[in-house]
Amino acid sequence: MTSPKPKSIQTMKPATAAKKLGVLLSATPAEFQTGVVSRDELNALQATPPAWLVDLRRNGPHPKHVVAAKLRVSISGLARGGITGPLTTAEIDALKAENPAWLERERSIQAEVRKEELRLKQG
């Protein structure tokens, strides 16, 4: 009988970990960007985020998928609206306050898409 194989440690690239944490890799500390992140380290960051992670999540800059979610539009909608890079929370709030025509249009498109997805899911 053979003994069980020791469990290997799962690691991921910093870009993958940043995406899972919902932050922009280039805004993270240098030591995060240059190392590898284990699954246990990622879980620890999610469970008890350090100050830098709390600050990034609160103030940004945020990656496109987070910007799109905060504005309630798709990533494609951001591109159609001329938003091609990361935005800070203050910039997102300013866009919400300004509520340009493209944002209203993209929100209505996104709402229709979600309604259709729900209809198809319910059969």
C-alpha atoms as a PDB file:
ATOM      1  CA  MET A   1       0.000   0.000   0.000  1.00  0.00           C
ATOM      2  CA  THR A   2       1.354   3.402  -0.918  1.00  0.00           C
ATOM      3  CA  SER A   3       1.075   6.443   1.255  1.00  0.00           C
ATOM      4  CA  PRO A   4      -1.076   9.306  -0.018  1.00  0.00           C
ATOM      5  CA  LYS A   5       0.682  11.857  -2.143  1.00  0.00           C
ATOM      6  CA  PRO A   6       1.346  15.143  -0.332  1.00  0.00           C
ATOM      7  CA  LYS A   7      -1.027  17.840  -1.491  1.00  0.00           C
ATOM      8  CA  SER A   8       0.668  20.256  -3.855  1.00  0.00           C
ATOM      9  CA  ILE A   9       0.294  23.958  -3.223  1.00  0.00           C
ATOM     10  CA  GLN A  10      -1.801  25.682  -5.871  1.00  0.00           C
ATOM     11  CA  THR A  11      -0.357  29.001  -6.981  1.00  0.00           C
ATOM     12  CA  MET A  12      -1.456  31.649  -9.434  1.00  0.00           C
ATOM     13  CA  LYS A  13       0.076  34.580 -11.204  1.00  0.00           C
ATOM     14  CA  PRO A  14      -0.398  37.992  -9.590  1.00  0.00           C
ATOM     15  CA  ALA A  15      -2.650  39.077 -12.494  1.00  0.00           C
ATOM     16  CA  THR A  16      -5.021  36.182 -11.809  1.00  0.00           C
ATOM     17  CA  ALA A  17      -5.064  36.915  -8.079  1.00  0.00           C
ATOM     18  CA  ALA A  18      -5.711  40.628  -8.713  1.00  0.00           C
ATOM     19  CA  LYS A  19      -8.625  39.774 -10.985  1.00  0.00           C
ATOM     20  CA  LYS A  20     -10.099  37.448  -8.357  1.00  0.00           C
ATOM     21  CA  LEU A  21      -9.699  40.229  -5.770  1.00  0.00           C
ATOM     22  CA  GLY A  22     -11.340  42.754  -8.112  1.00  0.00           C
ATOM     23  CA  VAL A  23      -8.393  45.156  -8.181  1.00  0.00           C
ATOM     24  CA  LEU A  24      -6.080  46.576 -10.815  1.00  0.00           C
ATOM     25  CA  LEU A  25      -2.737  44.733 -10.766  1.00  0.00           C
ATOM     26  CA  SER A  26      -0.698  47.860 -11.528  1.00  0.00           C
ATOM     27  CA  ALA A  27      -2.158  49.557  -8.424  1.00  0.00           C
ATOM     28  CA  THR A  28      -1.116  46.758  -6.047  1.00  0.00           C
ATOM     29  CA  PRO A  29       2.120  46.849  -4.009  1.00  0.00           C
ATOM     30  CA  ALA A  30       5.310  45.810  -5.828  1.00  0.00           C
ATOM     31  CA  GLU A  31       5.763  42.662  -3.720  1.00  0.00           C
ATOM     32  CA  PHE A  32       2.277  41.490  -4.779  1.00  0.00           C
ATOM     33  CA  GLN A  33       3.027  42.154  -8.462  1.00  0.00           C
ATOM     34  CA  THR A  34       6.318  40.266  -8.549  1.00  0.00           C
ATOM     35  CA  GLY A  35       5.524  37.126  -6.575  1.00  0.00           C
ATOM     36  CA  VAL A  36       3.157  34.217  -6.931  1.00  0.00           C
ATOM     37  CA  VAL A  37       0.032  33.892  -4.821  1.00  0.00           C
ATOM     38  CA  SER A  38      -1.025  30.601  -3.282  1.00  0.00           C
ATOM     39  CA  ARG A  39      -4.663  29.629  -2.931  1.00  0.00           C
ATOM     40  CA  ASP A  40      -4.268  29.923   0.869  1.00  0.00           C
ATOM     41  CA  GLU A  41      -2.792  33.430   0.529  1.00  0.00           C
ATOM     42  CA  LEU A  42      -5.668  34.467  -1.736  1.00  0.00           C
ATOM     43  CA  ASN A  43      -8.199  33.119   0.755  1.00  0.00           C
ATOM     44  CA  ALA A  44      -6.449  35.024   3.560  1.00  0.00           C
ATOM     45  CA  LEU A  45      -6.500  38.247   1.506  1.00  0.00           C
ATOM     46  CA  GLN A  46     -10.220  37.787   0.902  1.00  0.00           C
ATOM     47  CA  ALA A  47     -11.012  36.924   4.515  1.00  0.00           C
ATOM     48  CA  THR A  48      -8.949  39.659   6.167  1.00  0.00           C
ATOM     49  CA  PRO A  49      -7.893  42.181   3.528  1.00  0.00           C
ATOM     50  CA  PRO A  50      -4.853  44.338   4.342  1.00  0.00           C
ATOM     51  CA  ALA A  51      -5.166  48.141   4.315  1.00  0.00           C
ATOM     52  CA  TRP A  52      -3.864  48.468   0.733  1.00  0.00           C
ATOM     53  CA  LEU A  53      -6.544  46.092  -0.552  1.00  0.00           C
ATOM     54  CA  VAL A  54      -9.343  47.801   1.385  1.00  0.00           C
ATOM     55  CA  ASP A  55      -8.184  51.164   0.007  1.00  0.00           C
ATOM     56  CA  LEU A  56      -7.990  49.875  -3.586  1.00  0.00           C
ATOM     57  CA  ARG A  57     -11.458  48.362  -3.376  1.00  0.00           C
ATOM     58  CA  ARG A  58     -12.877  51.564  -1.906  1.00  0.00           C
ATOM     59  CA  ASN A  59     -11.094  54.229  -3.976  1.00  0.00           C
ATOM     60  CA  GLY A  60      -9.649  52.500  -7.032  1.00  0.00           C
ATOM     61  CA  PRO A  61      -8.371  52.736  -9.617  1.00  0.00           C
ATOM     62  CA  HIS A  62     -10.773  49.965 -10.607  1.00  0.00           C
ATOM     63  CA  PRO A  63     -10.384  47.522 -13.515  1.00  0.00           C
ATOM     64  CA  LYS A  64     -12.893  47.703 -16.371  1.00  0.00           C
ATOM     65  CA  HIS A  65     -15.122  44.884 -15.132  1.00  0.00           C
ATOM     66  CA  VAL A  66     -15.543  46.640 -11.767  1.00  0.00           C
ATOM     67  CA  VAL A  67     -16.161  50.016 -13.442  1.00  0.00           C
ATOM     68  CA  ALA A  68     -18.806  48.403 -15.667  1.00  0.00           C
ATOM     69  CA  ALA A  69     -20.516  46.776 -12.678  1.00  0.00           C
ATOM     70  CA  LYS A  70     -20.523  50.023 -10.667  1.00  0.00           C
ATOM     71  CA  LEU A  71     -22.048  51.898 -13.628  1.00  0.00           C
ATOM     72  CA  ARG A  72     -24.478  49.021 -14.380  1.00  0.00           C
ATOM     73  CA  VAL A  73     -23.315  48.671 -18.003  1.00  0.00           C
ATOM     74  CA  SER A  74     -21.361  46.087 -19.978  1.00  0.00           C
ATOM     75  CA  ILE A  75     -17.641  46.322 -20.694  1.00  0.00           C
ATOM     76  CA  SER A  76     -18.577  46.825 -24.360  1.00  0.00           C
ATOM     77  CA  GLY A  77     -20.854  49.648 -23.271  1.00  0.00           C
ATOM     78  CA  LEU A  78     -17.923  51.303 -21.536  1.00  0.00           C
ATOM     79  CA  ALA A  79     -15.924  51.130 -24.755  1.00  0.00           C
ATOM     80  CA  ARG A  80     -18.815  52.571 -26.768  1.00  0.00           C
ATOM     81  CA  GLY A  81     -18.970  55.389 -24.204  1.00  0.00           C
ATOM     82  CA  GLY A  82     -15.268  56.123 -24.674  1.00  0.00           C
ATOM     83  CA  ILE A  83     -14.113  54.640 -21.352  1.00  0.00           C
ATOM     84  CA  THR A  84     -11.069  52.535 -22.174  1.00  0.00           C
ATOM     85  CA  GLY A  85      -9.072  52.512 -18.962  1.00  0.00           C
ATOM     86  CA  PRO A  86      -9.451  52.161 -15.224  1.00  0.00           C
ATOM     87  CA  LEU A  87     -11.388  54.757 -13.217  1.00  0.00           C
ATOM     88  CA  THR A  88     -11.287  55.783  -9.584  1.00  0.00           C
ATOM     89  CA  THR A  89     -14.366  55.744  -7.385  1.00  0.00           C
ATOM     90  CA  ALA A  90     -14.484  59.559  -7.553  1.00  0.00           C
ATOM     91  CA  GLU A  91     -14.464  59.438 -11.362  1.00  0.00           C
ATOM     92  CA  ILE A  92     -17.233  56.813 -11.363  1.00  0.00           C
ATOM     93  CA  ASP A  93     -19.311  58.917  -8.960  1.00  0.00           C
ATOM     94  CA  ALA A  94     -18.791  61.990 -11.165  1.00  0.00           C
ATOM     95  CA  LEU A  95     -19.998  60.020 -14.216  1.00  0.00           C
ATOM     96  CA  LYS A  96     -23.064  58.854 -12.299  1.00  0.00           C
ATOM     97  CA  ALA A  97     -23.840  62.439 -11.258  1.00  0.00           C
ATOM     98  CA  GLU A  98     -23.331  63.764 -14.796  1.00  0.00           C
ATOM     99  CA  ASN A  99     -25.358  60.864 -16.263  1.00  0.00           C
ATOM    100  CA  PRO A 100     -24.353  61.446 -19.904  1.00  0.00           C
ATOM    101  CA  ALA A 101     -26.628  60.228 -22.699  1.00  0.00           C
ATOM    102  CA  TRP A 102     -24.330  57.301 -23.536  1.00  0.00           C
ATOM    103  CA  LEU A 103     -24.558  56.043 -19.930  1.00  0.00           C
ATOM    104  CA  GLU A 104     -28.361  56.177 -19.918  1.00  0.00           C
ATOM    105  CA  ARG A 105     -28.455  54.369 -23.272  1.00  0.00           C
ATOM    106  CA  GLU A 106     -26.007  51.658 -22.154  1.00  0.00           C
ATOM    107  CA  ARG A 107     -27.879  51.133 -18.878  1.00  0.00           C
ATOM    108  CA  SER A 108     -31.136  50.592 -20.762  1.00  0.00           C
ATOM    109  CA  ILE A 109     -29.397  48.164 -23.143  1.00  0.00           C
ATOM    110  CA  GLN A 110     -27.928  46.276 -20.178  1.00  0.00           C
ATOM    111  CA  ALA A 111     -31.327  46.158 -18.449  1.00  0.00           C
ATOM    112  CA  GLU A 112     -32.888  44.671 -21.603  1.00  0.00           C
ATOM    113  CA  VAL A 113     -30.107  42.092 -21.859  1.00  0.00           C
ATOM    114  CA  ARG A 114     -30.631  41.044 -18.236  1.00  0.00           C
ATOM    115  CA  LYS A 115     -34.397  40.854 -18.722  1.00  0.00           C
ATOM    116  CA  GLU A 116     -33.935  38.633 -21.795  1.00  0.00           C
ATOM    117  CA  GLU A 117     -31.415  36.406 -19.982  1.00  0.00           C
ATOM    118  CA  LEU A 118     -33.886  35.972 -17.118  1.00  0.00           C
ATOM    119  CA  ARG A 119     -36.706  35.156 -19.565  1.00  0.00           C
ATOM    120  CA  LEU A 120     -34.579  32.519 -21.292  1.00  0.00           C
ATOM    121  CA  LYS A 121     -33.449  31.047 -17.990  1.00  0.00           C
ATOM    122  CA  GLN A 122     -37.024  30.677 -16.776  1.00  0.00           C
ATOM    123  CA  GLY A 123     -37.901  28.915 -20.013  1.00  0.00           C
END
